[in-house]
Amino acid sequence: METRKHVHEEVFPATPERVFALLHTPSAIRRWWSAARAIVIPERGGLWTATWGDDEDDPDYVSSATIRAFDPPRRLVLGDYRYRAKTGPLPFEADFVTEFLVTPHEDGAMLRVTQDGFPAGPEADDFYAGCEKGWRDTFAGIREYLGEERAP
């Protein structure tokens, strides 16, 4: 199946270790991604799960993945995704893989996220567009989170 992907990257004023840590630390994930809950087992073969919504017993949305690669402070790869939304299942089949790469930069650390596996057909257009906006919002959340950490 032909697929398409999103690629987002930005330099953050933090060490590579700090940027990598916010990708797998549940309390950080809740803040920069506005998740209600997060559970992470930070190791290869581990678990990465986040939920949204006020009702813990019936969340609005759940995203869960297996950690395929865990190479601190450089690379985190998520795959084997499972989604649950109150609105129902995705209207297409997909095998998403998300890769986070953190590299040193003279101004801190570059974070590059590649989310691959979106079907190329029109059945995934709305979800693809939503994820494009979602990654912009996510990076804004990371900027805000790191700014809060530096504030006195």
N, C-alpha and C. Protein backbone atom coordinates (compact mmCIF):
# COMPACT_ATOMS: atom_id res chain seq x y z
N MET A 1 0.84 -1.17 0.00
CA MET A 1 0.00 0.00 0.00
C MET A 1 0.89 1.24 0.00
N GLU A 2 0.57 2.19 -0.86
CA GLU A 2 1.28 3.46 -0.89
C GLU A 2 0.91 4.28 0.34
N THR A 3 1.93 4.87 0.99
CA THR A 3 1.68 5.66 2.20
C THR A 3 2.31 7.04 2.07
N ARG A 4 1.95 7.89 2.99
CA ARG A 4 2.53 9.22 3.10
C ARG A 4 2.90 9.46 4.55
N LYS A 5 3.68 10.52 4.79
CA LYS A 5 4.16 10.76 6.15
C LYS A 5 4.22 12.25 6.44
N HIS A 6 4.29 12.54 7.74
CA HIS A 6 4.53 13.89 8.24
C HIS A 6 5.96 13.92 8.77
N VAL A 7 6.65 15.03 8.54
CA VAL A 7 7.96 15.25 9.12
C VAL A 7 7.95 16.65 9.72
N HIS A 8 8.27 16.74 10.99
CA HIS A 8 8.35 18.03 11.69
C HIS A 8 9.67 18.07 12.44
N GLU A 9 10.32 19.23 12.42
CA GLU A 9 11.56 19.38 13.18
C GLU A 9 11.69 20.80 13.67
N GLU A 10 12.35 20.90 14.80
CA GLU A 10 12.55 22.21 15.42
C GLU A 10 13.72 22.11 16.38
N VAL A 11 14.42 23.22 16.53
CA VAL A 11 15.50 23.31 17.52
C VAL A 11 14.90 23.87 18.81
N PHE A 12 15.21 23.20 19.90
CA PHE A 12 14.73 23.63 21.22
C PHE A 12 15.93 24.02 22.09
N PRO A 13 15.76 25.02 22.95
CA PRO A 13 16.86 25.47 23.81
C PRO A 13 17.01 24.57 25.04
N ALA A 14 17.38 23.34 24.79
CA ALA A 14 17.56 22.36 25.87
C ALA A 14 18.58 21.33 25.39
N THR A 15 19.15 20.61 26.33
CA THR A 15 20.11 19.57 25.96
C THR A 15 19.39 18.42 25.27
N PRO A 16 20.12 17.64 24.46
CA PRO A 16 19.51 16.45 23.87
C PRO A 16 18.93 15.51 24.93
N GLU A 17 19.61 15.39 26.06
CA GLU A 17 19.11 14.52 27.13
C GLU A 17 17.76 15.00 27.65
N ARG A 18 17.61 16.31 27.80
CA ARG A 18 16.34 16.87 28.32
C ARG A 18 15.23 16.70 27.30
N VAL A 19 15.51 16.95 26.02
CA VAL A 19 14.50 16.79 24.98
C VAL A 19 14.09 15.32 24.88
N PHE A 20 15.06 14.42 24.91
CA PHE A 20 14.72 12.99 24.83
C PHE A 20 13.88 12.57 26.03
N ALA A 21 14.22 13.05 27.21
CA ALA A 21 13.49 12.67 28.43
C ALA A 21 12.02 13.08 28.35
N LEU A 22 11.72 14.24 27.75
CA LEU A 22 10.31 14.65 27.72
C LEU A 22 9.47 13.76 26.82
N LEU A 23 10.12 12.96 25.96
CA LEU A 23 9.39 12.06 25.07
C LEU A 23 8.91 10.79 25.77
N HIS A 24 9.52 10.46 26.90
CA HIS A 24 9.16 9.20 27.57
C HIS A 24 8.85 9.36 29.06
N THR A 25 8.77 10.57 29.56
CA THR A 25 8.45 10.82 30.96
C THR A 25 6.96 11.15 31.06
N PRO A 26 6.16 10.29 31.72
CA PRO A 26 4.70 10.49 31.74
C PRO A 26 4.25 11.88 32.19
N SER A 27 4.86 12.43 33.25
CA SER A 27 4.42 13.75 33.72
C SER A 27 4.69 14.82 32.67
N ALA A 28 5.78 14.70 31.93
CA ALA A 28 6.09 15.65 30.86
C ALA A 28 5.10 15.48 29.70
N ILE A 29 4.83 14.24 29.30
CA ILE A 29 3.90 13.97 28.20
C ILE A 29 2.54 14.57 28.50
N ARG A 30 2.08 14.42 29.73
CA ARG A 30 0.77 14.98 30.10
C ARG A 30 0.77 16.49 29.90
N ARG A 31 1.87 17.14 30.21
CA ARG A 31 1.90 18.61 30.10
C ARG A 31 2.05 19.07 28.66
N TRP A 32 3.02 18.55 27.90
CA TRP A 32 3.23 19.10 26.55
C TRP A 32 2.24 18.58 25.54
N TRP A 33 1.58 17.45 25.81
CA TRP A 33 0.61 16.92 24.86
C TRP A 33 -0.82 17.07 25.37
N SER A 34 -0.97 17.70 26.51
CA SER A 34 -2.29 17.91 27.13
C SER A 34 -3.06 16.60 27.29
N ALA A 35 -2.35 15.54 27.61
CA ALA A 35 -2.97 14.24 27.84
C ALA A 35 -3.49 14.18 29.28
N ALA A 36 -4.54 13.42 29.48
CA ALA A 36 -5.08 13.23 30.82
C ALA A 36 -4.19 12.28 31.62
N ARG A 37 -3.69 11.26 30.95
CA ARG A 37 -2.84 10.25 31.57
C ARG A 37 -1.82 9.75 30.57
N ALA A 38 -0.69 9.28 31.08
CA ALA A 38 0.33 8.66 30.23
C ALA A 38 1.01 7.56 31.02
N ILE A 39 1.29 6.48 30.33
CA ILE A 39 2.02 5.35 30.91
C ILE A 39 3.12 4.98 29.92
N VAL A 40 4.35 4.90 30.39
CA VAL A 40 5.46 4.55 29.53
C VAL A 40 6.34 3.54 30.24
N ILE A 41 6.68 2.48 29.54
CA ILE A 41 7.71 1.55 29.99
C ILE A 41 8.87 1.80 29.03
N PRO A 42 9.85 2.64 29.45
CA PRO A 42 10.88 3.14 28.53
C PRO A 42 12.01 2.15 28.26
N GLU A 43 11.73 1.24 27.35
CA GLU A 43 12.72 0.26 26.93
C GLU A 43 12.26 -0.35 25.61
N ARG A 44 13.21 -0.95 24.89
CA ARG A 44 12.84 -1.62 23.65
C ARG A 44 11.84 -2.72 23.99
N GLY A 45 10.72 -2.74 23.26
CA GLY A 45 9.65 -3.69 23.56
C GLY A 45 8.69 -3.17 24.61
N GLY A 46 8.96 -1.98 25.15
CA GLY A 46 8.12 -1.37 26.18
C GLY A 46 6.84 -0.77 25.60
N LEU A 47 6.16 -0.03 26.43
CA LEU A 47 4.84 0.51 26.11
C LEU A 47 4.85 2.02 26.18
N TRP A 48 4.11 2.66 25.26
CA TRP A 48 3.92 4.11 25.27
C TRP A 48 2.43 4.35 25.06
N THR A 49 1.74 4.84 26.09
CA THR A 49 0.28 5.03 26.02
C THR A 49 -0.09 6.38 26.60
N ALA A 50 -1.03 7.05 25.92
CA ALA A 50 -1.58 8.31 26.44
C ALA A 50 -3.09 8.29 26.21
N THR A 51 -3.82 8.95 27.12
CA THR A 51 -5.27 9.06 26.99
C THR A 51 -5.68 10.51 27.16
N TRP A 52 -6.83 10.84 26.57
CA TRP A 52 -7.40 12.18 26.66
C TRP A 52 -8.85 12.05 27.08
N GLY A 53 -9.32 13.02 27.84
CA GLY A 53 -10.70 13.04 28.29
C GLY A 53 -10.77 13.04 29.81
N ASP A 54 -11.88 13.55 30.33
CA ASP A 54 -12.03 13.69 31.77
C ASP A 54 -12.39 12.39 32.47
N ASP A 55 -13.04 11.47 31.78
CA ASP A 55 -13.52 10.24 32.42
C ASP A 55 -12.48 9.13 32.25
N GLU A 56 -11.80 8.82 33.33
CA GLU A 56 -10.76 7.79 33.31
C GLU A 56 -11.30 6.44 32.83
N ASP A 57 -12.56 6.15 33.15
CA ASP A 57 -13.16 4.87 32.79
C ASP A 57 -13.71 4.84 31.37
N ASP A 58 -13.83 5.99 30.74
CA ASP A 58 -14.35 6.08 29.37
C ASP A 58 -13.69 7.27 28.67
N PRO A 59 -12.38 7.16 28.37
CA PRO A 59 -11.67 8.30 27.79
C PRO A 59 -12.17 8.63 26.38
N ASP A 60 -11.96 9.88 25.99
CA ASP A 60 -12.34 10.31 24.65
C ASP A 60 -11.47 9.65 23.59
N TYR A 61 -10.20 9.47 23.93
CA TYR A 61 -9.24 8.97 22.95
C TYR A 61 -8.09 8.28 23.67
N VAL A 62 -7.62 7.17 23.10
CA VAL A 62 -6.47 6.44 23.63
C VAL A 62 -5.53 6.13 22.47
N SER A 63 -4.26 6.38 22.67
CA SER A 63 -3.23 6.01 21.70
C SER A 63 -2.19 5.19 22.43
N SER A 64 -1.93 3.99 21.92
CA SER A 64 -0.97 3.11 22.57
C SER A 64 -0.06 2.51 21.50
N ALA A 65 1.22 2.39 21.83
CA ALA A 65 2.18 1.85 20.87
C ALA A 65 3.24 1.04 21.60
N THR A 66 3.90 0.18 20.85
CA THR A 66 5.06 -0.55 21.34
C THR A 66 6.31 0.26 21.01
N ILE A 67 7.22 0.31 21.95
CA ILE A 67 8.49 0.99 21.71
C ILE A 67 9.40 0.02 20.94
N ARG A 68 9.63 0.34 19.68
CA ARG A 68 10.45 -0.52 18.81
C ARG A 68 11.94 -0.23 18.97
N ALA A 69 12.28 1.02 19.25
CA ALA A 69 13.68 1.40 19.48
C ALA A 69 13.71 2.41 20.61
N PHE A 70 14.65 2.21 21.51
CA PHE A 70 14.84 3.13 22.64
C PHE A 70 16.34 3.31 22.82
N ASP A 71 16.86 4.42 22.29
CA ASP A 71 18.29 4.68 22.27
C ASP A 71 18.56 6.08 22.82
N PRO A 72 18.49 6.25 24.17
CA PRO A 72 18.69 7.56 24.77
C PRO A 72 20.10 8.09 24.50
N PRO A 73 20.27 9.38 24.31
CA PRO A 73 19.26 10.42 24.17
C PRO A 73 18.98 10.74 22.70
N ARG A 74 19.03 9.75 21.83
CA ARG A 74 19.01 10.01 20.41
C ARG A 74 17.76 9.59 19.68
N ARG A 75 17.23 8.41 19.93
CA ARG A 75 16.18 7.88 19.06
C ARG A 75 15.15 7.07 19.83
N LEU A 76 13.88 7.35 19.49
CA LEU A 76 12.73 6.61 20.02
C LEU A 76 11.83 6.30 18.84
N VAL A 77 11.46 5.03 18.68
CA VAL A 77 10.57 4.63 17.59
C VAL A 77 9.37 3.90 18.19
N LEU A 78 8.18 4.34 17.78
CA LEU A 78 6.92 3.74 18.22
C LEU A 78 6.24 3.07 17.03
N GLY A 79 5.67 1.90 17.26
CA GLY A 79 4.93 1.19 16.21
C GLY A 79 3.88 0.31 16.83
N ASP A 80 3.25 -0.51 16.00
CA ASP A 80 2.19 -1.43 16.47
C ASP A 80 1.12 -0.66 17.24
N TYR A 81 0.69 0.45 16.67
CA TYR A 81 -0.28 1.33 17.33
C TYR A 81 -1.64 0.68 17.50
N ARG A 82 -2.28 1.05 18.59
CA ARG A 82 -3.70 0.74 18.82
C ARG A 82 -4.37 2.05 19.20
N TYR A 83 -5.50 2.30 18.57
CA TYR A 83 -6.27 3.52 18.82
C TYR A 83 -7.66 3.16 19.30
N ARG A 84 -8.18 4.03 20.13
CA ARG A 84 -9.59 3.93 20.52
C ARG A 84 -10.11 5.35 20.64
N ALA A 85 -11.22 5.60 20.00
CA ALA A 85 -11.86 6.91 20.09
C ALA A 85 -13.34 6.70 20.31
N LYS A 86 -13.95 7.58 21.09
CA LYS A 86 -15.40 7.48 21.31
C LYS A 86 -16.16 7.58 20.00
N THR A 87 -15.59 8.28 19.03
CA THR A 87 -16.26 8.46 17.75
C THR A 87 -16.20 7.23 16.86
N GLY A 88 -15.41 6.23 17.26
CA GLY A 88 -15.32 5.00 16.48
C GLY A 88 -13.92 4.78 15.92
N PRO A 89 -13.76 3.70 15.15
CA PRO A 89 -12.44 3.36 14.61
C PRO A 89 -12.05 4.28 13.46
N LEU A 90 -10.78 4.24 13.13
CA LEU A 90 -10.31 4.96 11.96
C LEU A 90 -11.01 4.41 10.71
N PRO A 91 -11.30 5.25 9.73
CA PRO A 91 -12.01 4.78 8.53
C PRO A 91 -11.09 4.13 7.50
N PHE A 92 -9.93 3.65 7.93
CA PHE A 92 -8.96 3.03 7.03
C PHE A 92 -8.04 2.14 7.85
N GLU A 93 -7.33 1.26 7.17
CA GLU A 93 -6.30 0.43 7.79
C GLU A 93 -4.98 1.17 7.68
N ALA A 94 -4.16 1.09 8.72
CA ALA A 94 -2.85 1.76 8.68
C ALA A 94 -1.89 1.05 9.62
N ASP A 95 -0.62 1.12 9.27
CA ASP A 95 0.45 0.62 10.12
C ASP A 95 1.38 1.78 10.40
N PHE A 96 1.02 2.60 11.39
CA PHE A 96 1.78 3.81 11.69
C PHE A 96 3.09 3.47 12.41
N VAL A 97 4.11 4.24 12.07
CA VAL A 97 5.39 4.19 12.76
C VAL A 97 5.80 5.64 12.99
N THR A 98 6.17 5.96 14.23
CA THR A 98 6.61 7.31 14.57
C THR A 98 8.03 7.23 15.08
N GLU A 99 8.91 8.00 14.45
CA GLU A 99 10.31 8.04 14.86
C GLU A 99 10.63 9.44 15.37
N PHE A 100 11.21 9.50 16.57
CA PHE A 100 11.70 10.73 17.17
C PHE A 100 13.23 10.68 17.14
N LEU A 101 13.85 11.65 16.50
CA LEU A 101 15.31 11.75 16.48
C LEU A 101 15.72 13.04 17.17
N VAL A 102 16.66 12.94 18.10
CA VAL A 102 17.17 14.11 18.82
C VAL A 102 18.66 14.21 18.50
N THR A 103 19.06 15.38 17.99
CA THR A 103 20.47 15.58 17.67
C THR A 103 20.95 16.89 18.30
N PRO A 104 22.22 16.92 18.69
CA PRO A 104 22.77 18.16 19.25
C PRO A 104 22.73 19.27 18.20
N HIS A 105 22.55 20.48 18.69
CA HIS A 105 22.53 21.66 17.83
C HIS A 105 23.20 22.78 18.62
N GLU A 106 23.80 23.73 17.92
CA GLU A 106 24.49 24.81 18.62
C GLU A 106 23.58 25.61 19.54
N ASP A 107 22.27 25.59 19.27
CA ASP A 107 21.30 26.31 20.11
C ASP A 107 20.54 25.39 21.06
N GLY A 108 20.98 24.13 21.20
CA GLY A 108 20.31 23.18 22.09
C GLY A 108 20.23 21.81 21.46
N ALA A 109 19.02 21.44 21.06
CA ALA A 109 18.81 20.12 20.45
C ALA A 109 17.74 20.22 19.37
N MET A 110 17.98 19.51 18.27
CA MET A 110 17.00 19.42 17.19
C MET A 110 16.15 18.18 17.44
N LEU A 111 14.83 18.37 17.42
CA LEU A 111 13.89 17.25 17.50
C LEU A 111 13.25 17.10 16.14
N ARG A 112 13.37 15.92 15.56
CA ARG A 112 12.75 15.60 14.27
C ARG A 112 11.80 14.44 14.49
N VAL A 113 10.54 14.64 14.13
CA VAL A 113 9.53 13.59 14.25
C VAL A 113 9.06 13.22 12.85
N THR A 114 9.08 11.92 12.56
CA THR A 114 8.55 11.41 11.30
C THR A 114 7.45 10.43 11.64
N GLN A 115 6.24 10.72 11.21
CA GLN A 115 5.10 9.82 11.40
C GLN A 115 4.72 9.28 10.04
N ASP A 116 4.91 7.99 9.84
CA ASP A 116 4.71 7.35 8.54
C ASP A 116 3.59 6.32 8.63
N GLY A 117 3.00 6.04 7.48
CA GLY A 117 2.00 4.99 7.41
C GLY A 117 0.60 5.45 7.06
N PHE A 118 0.44 6.74 6.74
CA PHE A 118 -0.88 7.23 6.35
C PHE A 118 -1.21 6.74 4.94
N PRO A 119 -2.35 6.10 4.74
CA PRO A 119 -2.72 5.71 3.38
C PRO A 119 -2.74 6.92 2.46
N ALA A 120 -2.35 6.73 1.21
CA ALA A 120 -2.28 7.83 0.25
C ALA A 120 -3.65 8.21 -0.30
N GLY A 121 -4.64 7.36 -0.12
CA GLY A 121 -5.97 7.62 -0.67
C GLY A 121 -6.76 8.65 0.10
N PRO A 122 -7.87 9.10 -0.50
CA PRO A 122 -8.69 10.16 0.11
C PRO A 122 -9.37 9.74 1.42
N GLU A 123 -9.49 8.44 1.68
CA GLU A 123 -10.12 7.99 2.91
C GLU A 123 -9.37 8.44 4.16
N ALA A 124 -8.08 8.78 4.00
CA ALA A 124 -7.27 9.20 5.14
C ALA A 124 -6.98 10.70 5.14
N ASP A 125 -7.52 11.44 4.18
CA ASP A 125 -7.20 12.87 4.06
C ASP A 125 -7.52 13.67 5.32
N ASP A 126 -8.70 13.48 5.89
CA ASP A 126 -9.10 14.25 7.07
C ASP A 126 -8.20 13.93 8.27
N PHE A 127 -7.92 12.65 8.47
CA PHE A 127 -7.06 12.24 9.58
C PHE A 127 -5.64 12.77 9.37
N TYR A 128 -5.16 12.69 8.14
CA TYR A 128 -3.82 13.19 7.80
C TYR A 128 -3.73 14.69 8.11
N ALA A 129 -4.72 15.46 7.68
CA ALA A 129 -4.75 16.90 7.93
C ALA A 129 -4.82 17.19 9.43
N GLY A 130 -5.61 16.40 10.15
CA GLY A 130 -5.71 16.58 11.60
C GLY A 130 -4.39 16.31 12.29
N CYS A 131 -3.66 15.31 11.82
CA CYS A 131 -2.35 15.01 12.40
C CYS A 131 -1.33 16.09 12.07
N GLU A 132 -1.43 16.68 10.88
CA GLU A 132 -0.54 17.79 10.53
C GLU A 132 -0.70 18.93 11.54
N LYS A 133 -1.94 19.31 11.81
CA LYS A 133 -2.22 20.34 12.81
C LYS A 133 -1.78 19.86 14.20
N GLY A 134 -2.04 18.58 14.48
CA GLY A 134 -1.67 18.02 15.77
C GLY A 134 -0.18 18.12 16.05
N TRP A 135 0.66 17.87 15.04
CA TRP A 135 2.11 17.97 15.26
C TRP A 135 2.53 19.42 15.47
N ARG A 136 1.93 20.36 14.75
CA ARG A 136 2.24 21.78 15.00
C ARG A 136 1.88 22.14 16.44
N ASP A 137 0.70 21.70 16.89
CA ASP A 137 0.27 21.97 18.27
C ASP A 137 1.19 21.28 19.27
N THR A 138 1.61 20.06 18.94
CA THR A 138 2.49 19.31 19.83
C THR A 138 3.82 20.03 20.01
N PHE A 139 4.40 20.51 18.91
CA PHE A 139 5.66 21.22 19.02
C PHE A 139 5.48 22.52 19.80
N ALA A 140 4.36 23.19 19.65
CA ALA A 140 4.07 24.38 20.45
C ALA A 140 3.98 24.00 21.93
N GLY A 141 3.38 22.86 22.23
CA GLY A 141 3.30 22.39 23.61
C GLY A 141 4.67 22.08 24.19
N ILE A 142 5.56 21.53 23.38
CA ILE A 142 6.92 21.25 23.84
C ILE A 142 7.65 22.57 24.11
N ARG A 143 7.51 23.55 23.21
CA ARG A 143 8.13 24.87 23.43
C ARG A 143 7.65 25.46 24.75
N GLU A 144 6.34 25.41 24.96
CA GLU A 144 5.77 25.96 26.19
C GLU A 144 6.28 25.21 27.42
N TYR A 145 6.29 23.89 27.35
CA TYR A 145 6.77 23.07 28.46
C TYR A 145 8.22 23.40 28.80
N LEU A 146 9.08 23.48 27.80
CA LEU A 146 10.49 23.79 28.06
C LEU A 146 10.65 25.21 28.59
N GLY A 147 9.81 26.14 28.12
CA GLY A 147 9.86 27.52 28.62
C GLY A 147 9.45 27.60 30.08
N GLU A 148 8.45 26.80 30.47
CA GLU A 148 8.02 26.76 31.87
C GLU A 148 9.12 26.22 32.76
N GLU A 149 9.86 25.24 32.26
CA GLU A 149 10.94 24.66 33.05
C GLU A 149 12.04 25.68 33.34
N ARG A 150 12.31 26.58 32.38
CA ARG A 150 13.39 27.57 32.54
C ARG A 150 12.96 28.77 33.36
N ALA A 151 11.65 28.99 33.47
CA ALA A 151 11.17 30.18 34.20
C ALA A 151 11.56 30.09 35.67
N PRO A 152 11.92 31.25 36.26
CA PRO A 152 12.33 31.24 37.68
C PRO A 152 11.18 30.93 38.61
